[in-house]
Amino acid sequence: MNEEKKLRQIIRLLIIESLDLDEVDKDKMKCNKPQRAAAGKKQKKTVKACDKGKEKIIHYGYRGMEDYTQHKDKGRRANFRARMKCDTAAGQDKLTARYWACKDLW
């Protein structure tokens, strides 16, 4: 079983190298500091979310869509925040894409 894990990891690394994709290095990222997602990804941003001793890589935001930081339309912002329930308790969990989309993009 352990050999199978090693083989899968080697294959994964070879695929990443052959496709020339950037892999997110969780150890090098700072906690709760959003950054642009790697080229070729659908998502706009990536963040290493840290909360209560847990760490998680979160990808959020669609690359082809405008967000509030670009269009500055208060009506669209209000509609998005209501639709995503940004101001509720469920929208305050740092380990979700919802939290980061609300906080960083809208």
C-alpha atoms as a PDB file:
ATOM      1  CA  MET A   1       0.000   0.000   0.000  1.00  0.00           C
ATOM      2  CA  ASN A   2       2.825   2.397   0.849  1.00  0.00           C
ATOM      3  CA  GLU A   3       4.539   1.687  -2.478  1.00  0.00           C
ATOM      4  CA  GLU A   4       1.297   2.435  -4.280  1.00  0.00           C
ATOM      5  CA  LYS A   5       1.123   5.848  -2.584  1.00  0.00           C
ATOM      6  CA  LYS A   6       4.680   6.675  -3.628  1.00  0.00           C
ATOM      7  CA  LEU A   7       3.978   5.599  -7.193  1.00  0.00           C
ATOM      8  CA  ARG A   8       0.848   7.788  -7.348  1.00  0.00           C
ATOM      9  CA  GLN A   9       2.822  10.771  -6.051  1.00  0.00           C
ATOM     10  CA  ILE A  10       5.550  10.264  -8.656  1.00  0.00           C
ATOM     11  CA  ILE A  11       2.976   9.992 -11.444  1.00  0.00           C
ATOM     12  CA  ARG A  12       1.229  13.131 -10.200  1.00  0.00           C
ATOM     13  CA  LEU A  13       4.476  15.097 -10.187  1.00  0.00           C
ATOM     14  CA  LEU A  14       5.349  13.873 -13.684  1.00  0.00           C
ATOM     15  CA  ILE A  15       1.937  14.951 -14.987  1.00  0.00           C
ATOM     16  CA  ILE A  16       2.308  18.381 -13.396  1.00  0.00           C
ATOM     17  CA  GLU A  17       5.764  18.808 -14.923  1.00  0.00           C
ATOM     18  CA  SER A  18       4.633  17.640 -18.357  1.00  0.00           C
ATOM     19  CA  LEU A  19       1.621  19.979 -18.360  1.00  0.00           C
ATOM     20  CA  ASP A  20       3.748  22.792 -16.925  1.00  0.00           C
ATOM     21  CA  LEU A  21       1.178  23.609 -14.211  1.00  0.00           C
ATOM     22  CA  ASP A  22       2.010  25.447 -11.008  1.00  0.00           C
ATOM     23  CA  GLU A  23       1.332  23.406  -7.901  1.00  0.00           C
ATOM     24  CA  VAL A  24       0.384  25.275  -4.767  1.00  0.00           C
ATOM     25  CA  ASP A  25       3.012  24.780  -2.076  1.00  0.00           C
ATOM     26  CA  LYS A  26       1.059  24.926   1.168  1.00  0.00           C
ATOM     27  CA  ASP A  27       4.208  25.313   3.271  1.00  0.00           C
ATOM     28  CA  LYS A  28       5.420  28.429   1.434  1.00  0.00           C
ATOM     29  CA  MET A  29       2.064  30.255   1.508  1.00  0.00           C
ATOM     30  CA  LYS A  30       1.225  32.678   4.319  1.00  0.00           C
ATOM     31  CA  CYS A  31      -1.971  32.145   6.285  1.00  0.00           C
ATOM     32  CA  ASN A  32      -5.029  34.126   5.180  1.00  0.00           C
ATOM     33  CA  LYS A  33      -3.205  36.073   2.439  1.00  0.00           C
ATOM     34  CA  PRO A  34      -5.065  35.733  -0.905  1.00  0.00           C
ATOM     35  CA  GLN A  35      -3.036  35.566  -4.099  1.00  0.00           C
ATOM     36  CA  ARG A  36      -3.786  35.123  -7.784  1.00  0.00           C
ATOM     37  CA  ALA A  37      -4.450  31.545  -8.818  1.00  0.00           C
ATOM     38  CA  ALA A  38      -1.996  29.796 -11.131  1.00  0.00           C
ATOM     39  CA  ALA A  39      -2.343  30.292 -14.880  1.00  0.00           C
ATOM     40  CA  GLY A  40      -4.694  27.811 -16.515  1.00  0.00           C
ATOM     41  CA  LYS A  41      -6.972  27.545 -13.484  1.00  0.00           C
ATOM     42  CA  LYS A  42     -10.663  28.444 -13.625  1.00  0.00           C
ATOM     43  CA  GLN A  43     -10.524  30.216 -10.288  1.00  0.00           C
ATOM     44  CA  LYS A  44      -9.345  33.779  -9.825  1.00  0.00           C
ATOM     45  CA  LYS A  45      -7.748  33.539  -6.358  1.00  0.00           C
ATOM     46  CA  THR A  46      -6.079  31.041  -4.019  1.00  0.00           C
ATOM     47  CA  VAL A  47      -5.580  31.339  -0.273  1.00  0.00           C
ATOM     48  CA  LYS A  48      -4.190  29.194   2.516  1.00  0.00           C
ATOM     49  CA  ALA A  49      -6.988  29.517   5.061  1.00  0.00           C
ATOM     50  CA  CYS A  50      -5.975  29.045   8.687  1.00  0.00           C
ATOM     51  CA  ASP A  51      -8.529  28.915  11.484  1.00  0.00           C
ATOM     52  CA  LYS A  52      -8.437  27.237  14.910  1.00  0.00           C
ATOM     53  CA  GLY A  53      -5.362  25.166  14.123  1.00  0.00           C
ATOM     54  CA  LYS A  54      -6.658  23.928  10.745  1.00  0.00           C
ATOM     55  CA  GLU A  55      -5.140  24.770   7.372  1.00  0.00           C
ATOM     56  CA  LYS A  56      -6.798  24.403   3.990  1.00  0.00           C
ATOM     57  CA  ILE A  57      -6.069  25.574   0.446  1.00  0.00           C
ATOM     58  CA  ILE A  58      -9.123  27.397  -0.953  1.00  0.00           C
ATOM     59  CA  HIS A  59      -9.677  28.332  -4.607  1.00  0.00           C
ATOM     60  CA  TYR A  60     -12.443  30.875  -5.220  1.00  0.00           C
ATOM     61  CA  GLY A  61     -13.822  33.357  -7.726  1.00  0.00           C
ATOM     62  CA  TYR A  62     -14.373  32.657 -11.420  1.00  0.00           C
ATOM     63  CA  ARG A  63     -11.600  34.074 -13.590  1.00  0.00           C
ATOM     64  CA  GLY A  64     -13.896  35.291 -16.390  1.00  0.00           C
ATOM     65  CA  MET A  65     -16.317  37.244 -14.185  1.00  0.00           C
ATOM     66  CA  GLU A  66     -16.094  40.784 -12.863  1.00  0.00           C
ATOM     67  CA  ASP A  67     -16.216  41.326  -9.132  1.00  0.00           C
ATOM     68  CA  TYR A  68     -16.871  44.411  -7.023  1.00  0.00           C
ATOM     69  CA  THR A  69     -13.208  45.399  -7.045  1.00  0.00           C
ATOM     70  CA  GLN A  70     -13.555  45.893 -10.817  1.00  0.00           C
ATOM     71  CA  HIS A  71     -17.064  47.223 -11.511  1.00  0.00           C
ATOM     72  CA  LYS A  72     -17.851  49.143  -8.243  1.00  0.00           C
ATOM     73  CA  ASP A  73     -21.637  48.661  -8.717  1.00  0.00           C
ATOM     74  CA  LYS A  74     -23.238  48.783  -5.251  1.00  0.00           C
ATOM     75  CA  GLY A  75     -26.459  47.105  -6.461  1.00  0.00           C
ATOM     76  CA  ARG A  76     -24.615  44.093  -7.852  1.00  0.00           C
ATOM     77  CA  ARG A  77     -22.599  43.895  -4.650  1.00  0.00           C
ATOM     78  CA  ALA A  78     -25.744  43.882  -2.496  1.00  0.00           C
ATOM     79  CA  ASN A  79     -27.345  41.163  -4.662  1.00  0.00           C
ATOM     80  CA  PHE A  80     -24.250  38.945  -4.478  1.00  0.00           C
ATOM     81  CA  ARG A  81     -23.867  39.343  -0.715  1.00  0.00           C
ATOM     82  CA  ALA A  82     -27.565  38.525  -0.174  1.00  0.00           C
ATOM     83  CA  ARG A  83     -27.424  35.507  -2.502  1.00  0.00           C
ATOM     84  CA  MET A  84     -24.287  34.122  -0.835  1.00  0.00           C
ATOM     85  CA  LYS A  85     -25.495  34.991   2.700  1.00  0.00           C
ATOM     86  CA  CYS A  86     -22.225  36.750   3.471  1.00  0.00           C
ATOM     87  CA  ASP A  87     -23.508  38.401   6.634  1.00  0.00           C
ATOM     88  CA  THR A  88     -24.805  35.234   8.347  1.00  0.00           C
ATOM     89  CA  ALA A  89     -22.907  33.021  10.771  1.00  0.00           C
ATOM     90  CA  ALA A  90     -22.457  30.390   8.025  1.00  0.00           C
ATOM     91  CA  GLY A  91     -20.677  33.003   5.914  1.00  0.00           C
ATOM     92  CA  GLN A  92     -18.039  33.611   8.594  1.00  0.00           C
ATOM     93  CA  ASP A  93     -16.186  30.278   8.372  1.00  0.00           C
ATOM     94  CA  LYS A  94     -12.663  31.029   7.087  1.00  0.00           C
ATOM     95  CA  LEU A  95     -12.301  27.507   5.695  1.00  0.00           C
ATOM     96  CA  THR A  96     -14.926  28.086   2.949  1.00  0.00           C
ATOM     97  CA  ALA A  97     -14.744  29.673  -0.484  1.00  0.00           C
ATOM     98  CA  ARG A  98     -17.884  31.657   0.405  1.00  0.00           C
ATOM     99  CA  TYR A  99     -16.065  33.532   3.163  1.00  0.00           C
ATOM    100  CA  TRP A 100     -13.132  34.468   0.934  1.00  0.00           C
ATOM    101  CA  ALA A 101     -15.304  35.486  -2.031  1.00  0.00           C
ATOM    102  CA  CYS A 102     -17.354  37.741   0.254  1.00  0.00           C
ATOM    103  CA  LYS A 103     -14.334  39.186   2.051  1.00  0.00           C
ATOM    104  CA  ASP A 104     -11.868  39.612  -0.798  1.00  0.00           C
ATOM    105  CA  LEU A 105     -13.919  40.024  -3.983  1.00  0.00           C
ATOM    106  CA  TRP A 106     -17.212  41.548  -2.812  1.00  0.00           C
END
